[in-house]
Every structure is written in structure tokens, then in C-alpha cells.
Amino acid sequence: MSSEKIGIENTLIQLTMVLKLQQLKRGGLPSLTYDNLEDYISGKLWLKQAPDSLHTAADEILSIEPEEIIRFLSRQAIVEGSAKKLEDFSDIIGG
């Protein structure tokens, strides 16, 4: 058996991500995108270590709760927003 880590480039993992994305959209996050989910998985869930097996990876993905994604995306927006200048927000605040 191979000791390679399972990553988001694996086709079966991508299928699992699409299934979870649809579940999250039906469960109250209709504007969530595949990229948002991918960012969460690579930037939080598997940041320190990716799973060794396909079934562990699928379990971890299917166990993601909507609140986890919301917290992650909120933090991500704060960090990205703090790096911008006030002028970058002119389309939102007018001017």
C-alpha cells in the first residue's frame, strides 16, 4: 500500500467535495463556491497534514460543518481586507 498523502487533486476527492458542496448549499450556504470549499480544505482542514487514505479524506470532507466554513471564510475576508487600501473599497462605500 502506498504511503502517499491524498490531496484535493485526486478525482475521487473532487467528487466528494462536489457532493459536500451541494449538501452545504442546500443546508444554508447557497453562495458557497467550490473554490471556497477547496480553500477551507487546503488552508485549514489539511493545513498541517493531508490524510493517508481515501476513506479518511472522504470522512473528513463529509464531516465539515457549515459553521466551520463560515468562521474560516470570515477570518480569510478580514485578513484579505486588512491588506487593502481604503480606495479599494470605493465601489462599496461610494466615491
N, C-alpha and C. Protein backbone atom coordinates (compact mmCIF):
# COMPACT_ATOMS: atom_id res chain seq x y z
N MET A 1 0.84 -1.19 0.00
CA MET A 1 0.00 0.00 0.00
C MET A 1 0.88 1.24 0.00
N SER A 2 0.52 2.23 -0.75
CA SER A 2 1.29 3.45 -0.91
C SER A 2 1.17 4.34 0.33
N SER A 3 2.25 5.05 0.64
CA SER A 3 2.23 5.96 1.79
C SER A 3 2.01 7.41 1.35
N GLU A 4 1.58 7.59 0.10
CA GLU A 4 1.32 8.94 -0.41
C GLU A 4 0.10 9.54 0.28
N LYS A 5 0.17 10.84 0.45
CA LYS A 5 -0.96 11.58 1.02
C LYS A 5 -2.01 11.79 -0.06
N ILE A 6 -3.25 11.81 0.38
CA ILE A 6 -4.36 12.07 -0.53
C ILE A 6 -4.55 13.59 -0.59
N GLY A 7 -4.69 14.14 -1.78
CA GLY A 7 -4.85 15.59 -1.93
C GLY A 7 -6.08 15.96 -2.71
N ILE A 8 -6.31 17.26 -2.80
CA ILE A 8 -7.51 17.74 -3.48
C ILE A 8 -7.43 17.58 -4.99
N GLU A 9 -6.28 17.18 -5.50
CA GLU A 9 -6.17 16.93 -6.94
C GLU A 9 -6.67 15.53 -7.32
N ASN A 10 -6.94 14.70 -6.33
CA ASN A 10 -7.47 13.35 -6.56
C ASN A 10 -8.92 13.45 -7.06
N THR A 11 -9.23 12.75 -8.13
CA THR A 11 -10.56 12.82 -8.75
C THR A 11 -11.66 12.39 -7.79
N LEU A 12 -11.42 11.36 -7.01
CA LEU A 12 -12.45 10.90 -6.06
C LEU A 12 -12.66 11.91 -4.93
N ILE A 13 -11.60 12.59 -4.55
CA ILE A 13 -11.73 13.65 -3.55
C ILE A 13 -12.51 14.82 -4.13
N GLN A 14 -12.25 15.15 -5.38
CA GLN A 14 -13.00 16.22 -6.03
C GLN A 14 -14.49 15.89 -6.10
N LEU A 15 -14.81 14.64 -6.40
CA LEU A 15 -16.21 14.22 -6.41
C LEU A 15 -16.83 14.36 -5.02
N THR A 16 -16.10 13.96 -4.00
CA THR A 16 -16.58 14.09 -2.62
C THR A 16 -16.80 15.56 -2.28
N MET A 17 -15.90 16.42 -2.74
CA MET A 17 -16.04 17.85 -2.49
C MET A 17 -17.29 18.41 -3.17
N VAL A 18 -17.57 17.97 -4.38
CA VAL A 18 -18.77 18.43 -5.09
C VAL A 18 -20.02 17.99 -4.33
N LEU A 19 -20.02 16.76 -3.86
CA LEU A 19 -21.17 16.27 -3.09
C LEU A 19 -21.36 17.07 -1.81
N LYS A 20 -20.25 17.35 -1.11
CA LYS A 20 -20.34 18.13 0.13
C LYS A 20 -20.77 19.56 -0.16
N LEU A 21 -20.27 20.12 -1.25
CA LEU A 21 -20.65 21.47 -1.63
C LEU A 21 -22.16 21.56 -1.85
N GLN A 22 -22.72 20.60 -2.55
CA GLN A 22 -24.17 20.59 -2.77
C GLN A 22 -24.94 20.46 -1.46
N GLN A 23 -24.43 19.65 -0.57
CA GLN A 23 -25.07 19.49 0.75
C GLN A 23 -25.02 20.80 1.52
N LEU A 24 -23.88 21.47 1.52
CA LEU A 24 -23.75 22.74 2.23
C LEU A 24 -24.64 23.82 1.62
N LYS A 25 -24.76 23.83 0.30
CA LYS A 25 -25.63 24.80 -0.37
C LYS A 25 -27.09 24.58 0.02
N ARG A 26 -27.51 23.34 0.05
CA ARG A 26 -28.89 23.03 0.46
C ARG A 26 -29.11 23.33 1.94
N GLY A 27 -28.03 23.25 2.72
CA GLY A 27 -28.14 23.43 4.17
C GLY A 27 -27.99 24.85 4.65
N GLY A 28 -27.99 25.82 3.76
CA GLY A 28 -27.99 27.21 4.20
C GLY A 28 -26.84 28.07 3.72
N LEU A 29 -25.97 27.54 2.87
CA LEU A 29 -24.88 28.34 2.32
C LEU A 29 -24.98 28.37 0.79
N PRO A 30 -26.04 28.98 0.25
CA PRO A 30 -26.29 28.91 -1.19
C PRO A 30 -25.22 29.59 -2.04
N SER A 31 -24.47 30.52 -1.49
CA SER A 31 -23.47 31.22 -2.30
C SER A 31 -22.06 30.62 -2.16
N LEU A 32 -21.93 29.56 -1.41
CA LEU A 32 -20.64 28.89 -1.25
C LEU A 32 -20.17 28.34 -2.60
N THR A 33 -18.89 28.50 -2.90
CA THR A 33 -18.36 28.02 -4.16
C THR A 33 -17.40 26.85 -3.92
N TYR A 34 -17.09 26.16 -4.99
CA TYR A 34 -16.13 25.06 -4.94
C TYR A 34 -14.78 25.60 -4.46
N ASP A 35 -14.40 26.77 -4.95
CA ASP A 35 -13.13 27.37 -4.54
C ASP A 35 -13.11 27.68 -3.05
N ASN A 36 -14.25 28.13 -2.49
CA ASN A 36 -14.32 28.37 -1.04
C ASN A 36 -14.06 27.08 -0.27
N LEU A 37 -14.69 26.01 -0.71
CA LEU A 37 -14.52 24.71 -0.05
C LEU A 37 -13.08 24.23 -0.19
N GLU A 38 -12.53 24.39 -1.37
CA GLU A 38 -11.14 23.98 -1.61
C GLU A 38 -10.18 24.79 -0.72
N ASP A 39 -10.42 26.09 -0.60
CA ASP A 39 -9.60 26.94 0.27
C ASP A 39 -9.68 26.46 1.71
N TYR A 40 -10.87 26.12 2.17
CA TYR A 40 -11.04 25.64 3.54
C TYR A 40 -10.28 24.33 3.77
N ILE A 41 -10.42 23.42 2.83
CA ILE A 41 -9.77 22.11 3.00
C ILE A 41 -8.24 22.25 2.98
N SER A 42 -7.72 22.98 2.01
CA SER A 42 -6.26 23.10 1.92
C SER A 42 -5.70 24.10 2.93
N GLY A 43 -6.46 25.12 3.29
CA GLY A 43 -5.96 26.16 4.18
C GLY A 43 -6.27 25.96 5.64
N LYS A 44 -7.11 25.01 5.96
CA LYS A 44 -7.47 24.78 7.36
C LYS A 44 -7.48 23.29 7.69
N LEU A 45 -8.35 22.56 7.03
CA LEU A 45 -8.56 21.15 7.38
C LEU A 45 -7.29 20.32 7.19
N TRP A 46 -6.61 20.49 6.08
CA TRP A 46 -5.41 19.70 5.78
C TRP A 46 -4.16 20.55 5.77
N LEU A 47 -4.18 21.66 6.50
CA LEU A 47 -3.04 22.57 6.51
C LEU A 47 -1.78 21.88 7.04
N LYS A 48 -1.91 21.18 8.14
CA LYS A 48 -0.75 20.53 8.74
C LYS A 48 -0.43 19.19 8.11
N GLN A 49 -1.47 18.44 7.79
CA GLN A 49 -1.22 17.11 7.22
C GLN A 49 -2.46 16.62 6.47
N ALA A 50 -2.23 16.18 5.25
CA ALA A 50 -3.30 15.56 4.45
C ALA A 50 -3.46 14.12 4.90
N PRO A 51 -4.64 13.56 4.74
CA PRO A 51 -4.88 12.17 5.14
C PRO A 51 -4.07 11.17 4.32
N ASP A 52 -3.87 10.00 4.91
CA ASP A 52 -3.12 8.93 4.25
C ASP A 52 -4.00 8.04 3.39
N SER A 53 -5.30 8.06 3.65
CA SER A 53 -6.17 7.14 2.92
C SER A 53 -7.38 7.88 2.36
N LEU A 54 -7.92 7.30 1.32
CA LEU A 54 -9.08 7.88 0.66
C LEU A 54 -10.29 7.93 1.57
N HIS A 55 -10.52 6.87 2.34
CA HIS A 55 -11.71 6.86 3.20
C HIS A 55 -11.58 7.88 4.33
N THR A 56 -10.38 8.12 4.84
CA THR A 56 -10.19 9.14 5.87
C THR A 56 -10.43 10.53 5.28
N ALA A 57 -9.90 10.75 4.09
CA ALA A 57 -10.09 12.04 3.42
C ALA A 57 -11.57 12.30 3.17
N ALA A 58 -12.28 11.31 2.66
CA ALA A 58 -13.71 11.47 2.39
C ALA A 58 -14.48 11.72 3.68
N ASP A 59 -14.15 10.99 4.74
CA ASP A 59 -14.81 11.19 6.04
C ASP A 59 -14.60 12.62 6.53
N GLU A 60 -13.37 13.11 6.42
CA GLU A 60 -13.09 14.47 6.88
C GLU A 60 -13.88 15.51 6.09
N ILE A 61 -13.95 15.33 4.80
CA ILE A 61 -14.69 16.27 3.96
C ILE A 61 -16.19 16.22 4.28
N LEU A 62 -16.72 15.02 4.37
CA LEU A 62 -18.16 14.88 4.61
C LEU A 62 -18.56 15.30 6.02
N SER A 63 -17.58 15.43 6.92
CA SER A 63 -17.86 15.84 8.30
C SER A 63 -17.78 17.35 8.51
N ILE A 64 -17.45 18.08 7.47
CA ILE A 64 -17.33 19.55 7.60
C ILE A 64 -18.70 20.13 7.93
N GLU A 65 -18.71 20.99 8.95
CA GLU A 65 -19.94 21.66 9.37
C GLU A 65 -19.97 23.07 8.76
N PRO A 66 -21.16 23.57 8.46
CA PRO A 66 -21.27 24.91 7.87
C PRO A 66 -20.61 26.00 8.72
N GLU A 67 -20.69 25.88 10.03
CA GLU A 67 -20.11 26.88 10.91
C GLU A 67 -18.59 26.97 10.74
N GLU A 68 -17.96 25.84 10.48
CA GLU A 68 -16.51 25.82 10.29
C GLU A 68 -16.13 26.64 9.06
N ILE A 69 -16.88 26.45 7.99
CA ILE A 69 -16.61 27.17 6.74
C ILE A 69 -16.85 28.67 6.95
N ILE A 70 -17.93 29.02 7.62
CA ILE A 70 -18.25 30.43 7.86
C ILE A 70 -17.14 31.11 8.65
N ARG A 71 -16.67 30.45 9.72
CA ARG A 71 -15.58 31.03 10.53
C ARG A 71 -14.32 31.21 9.69
N PHE A 72 -13.98 30.19 8.90
CA PHE A 72 -12.78 30.26 8.08
C PHE A 72 -12.88 31.39 7.05
N LEU A 73 -14.00 31.46 6.35
CA LEU A 73 -14.16 32.49 5.32
C LEU A 73 -14.21 33.89 5.93
N SER A 74 -14.78 34.01 7.11
CA SER A 74 -14.81 35.31 7.80
C SER A 74 -13.40 35.77 8.13
N ARG A 75 -12.60 34.87 8.70
CA ARG A 75 -11.21 35.21 9.01
C ARG A 75 -10.43 35.55 7.75
N GLN A 76 -10.66 34.78 6.70
CA GLN A 76 -9.97 34.99 5.44
C GLN A 76 -10.31 36.38 4.88
N ALA A 77 -11.58 36.77 4.96
CA ALA A 77 -12.02 38.08 4.47
C ALA A 77 -11.40 39.21 5.28
N ILE A 78 -11.28 39.03 6.58
CA ILE A 78 -10.68 40.04 7.44
C ILE A 78 -9.20 40.22 7.09
N VAL A 79 -8.50 39.12 6.94
CA VAL A 79 -7.08 39.19 6.60
C VAL A 79 -6.88 39.84 5.24
N GLU A 80 -7.65 39.42 4.25
CA GLU A 80 -7.52 40.00 2.91
C GLU A 80 -7.92 41.47 2.90
N GLY A 81 -8.97 41.80 3.65
CA GLY A 81 -9.43 43.19 3.71
C GLY A 81 -8.45 44.11 4.40
N SER A 82 -7.77 43.60 5.41
CA SER A 82 -6.81 44.44 6.13
C SER A 82 -5.58 44.76 5.29
N ALA A 83 -5.34 43.98 4.27
CA ALA A 83 -4.18 44.22 3.40
C ALA A 83 -4.49 45.23 2.29
N LYS A 84 -5.73 45.63 2.18
CA LYS A 84 -6.12 46.55 1.10
C LYS A 84 -6.15 47.99 1.60
N LYS A 85 -6.15 48.91 0.66
CA LYS A 85 -6.26 50.33 0.97
C LYS A 85 -7.73 50.73 0.94
N LEU A 86 -8.04 51.83 1.58
CA LEU A 86 -9.41 52.32 1.62
C LEU A 86 -9.96 52.56 0.22
N GLU A 87 -9.12 53.00 -0.69
CA GLU A 87 -9.56 53.25 -2.07
C GLU A 87 -10.07 52.00 -2.76
N ASP A 88 -9.58 50.84 -2.32
CA ASP A 88 -10.00 49.58 -2.92
C ASP A 88 -11.47 49.27 -2.63
N PHE A 89 -12.04 49.96 -1.63
CA PHE A 89 -13.42 49.73 -1.24
C PHE A 89 -14.36 50.83 -1.74
N SER A 90 -13.89 51.68 -2.65
CA SER A 90 -14.70 52.81 -3.11
C SER A 90 -15.97 52.36 -3.80
N ASP A 91 -15.95 51.21 -4.46
CA ASP A 91 -17.16 50.73 -5.13
C ASP A 91 -18.23 50.30 -4.12
N ILE A 92 -17.81 49.97 -2.92
CA ILE A 92 -18.76 49.53 -1.88
C ILE A 92 -19.28 50.73 -1.10
N ILE A 93 -18.37 51.63 -0.73
CA ILE A 93 -18.77 52.76 0.13
C ILE A 93 -19.08 54.03 -0.66
N GLY A 94 -18.93 53.98 -1.94
CA GLY A 94 -19.23 55.14 -2.79
C GLY A 94 -18.02 56.06 -2.90
N GLY A 95 -17.99 56.76 -3.99
CA GLY A 95 -16.88 57.70 -4.14
C GLY A 95 -16.17 57.47 -5.37
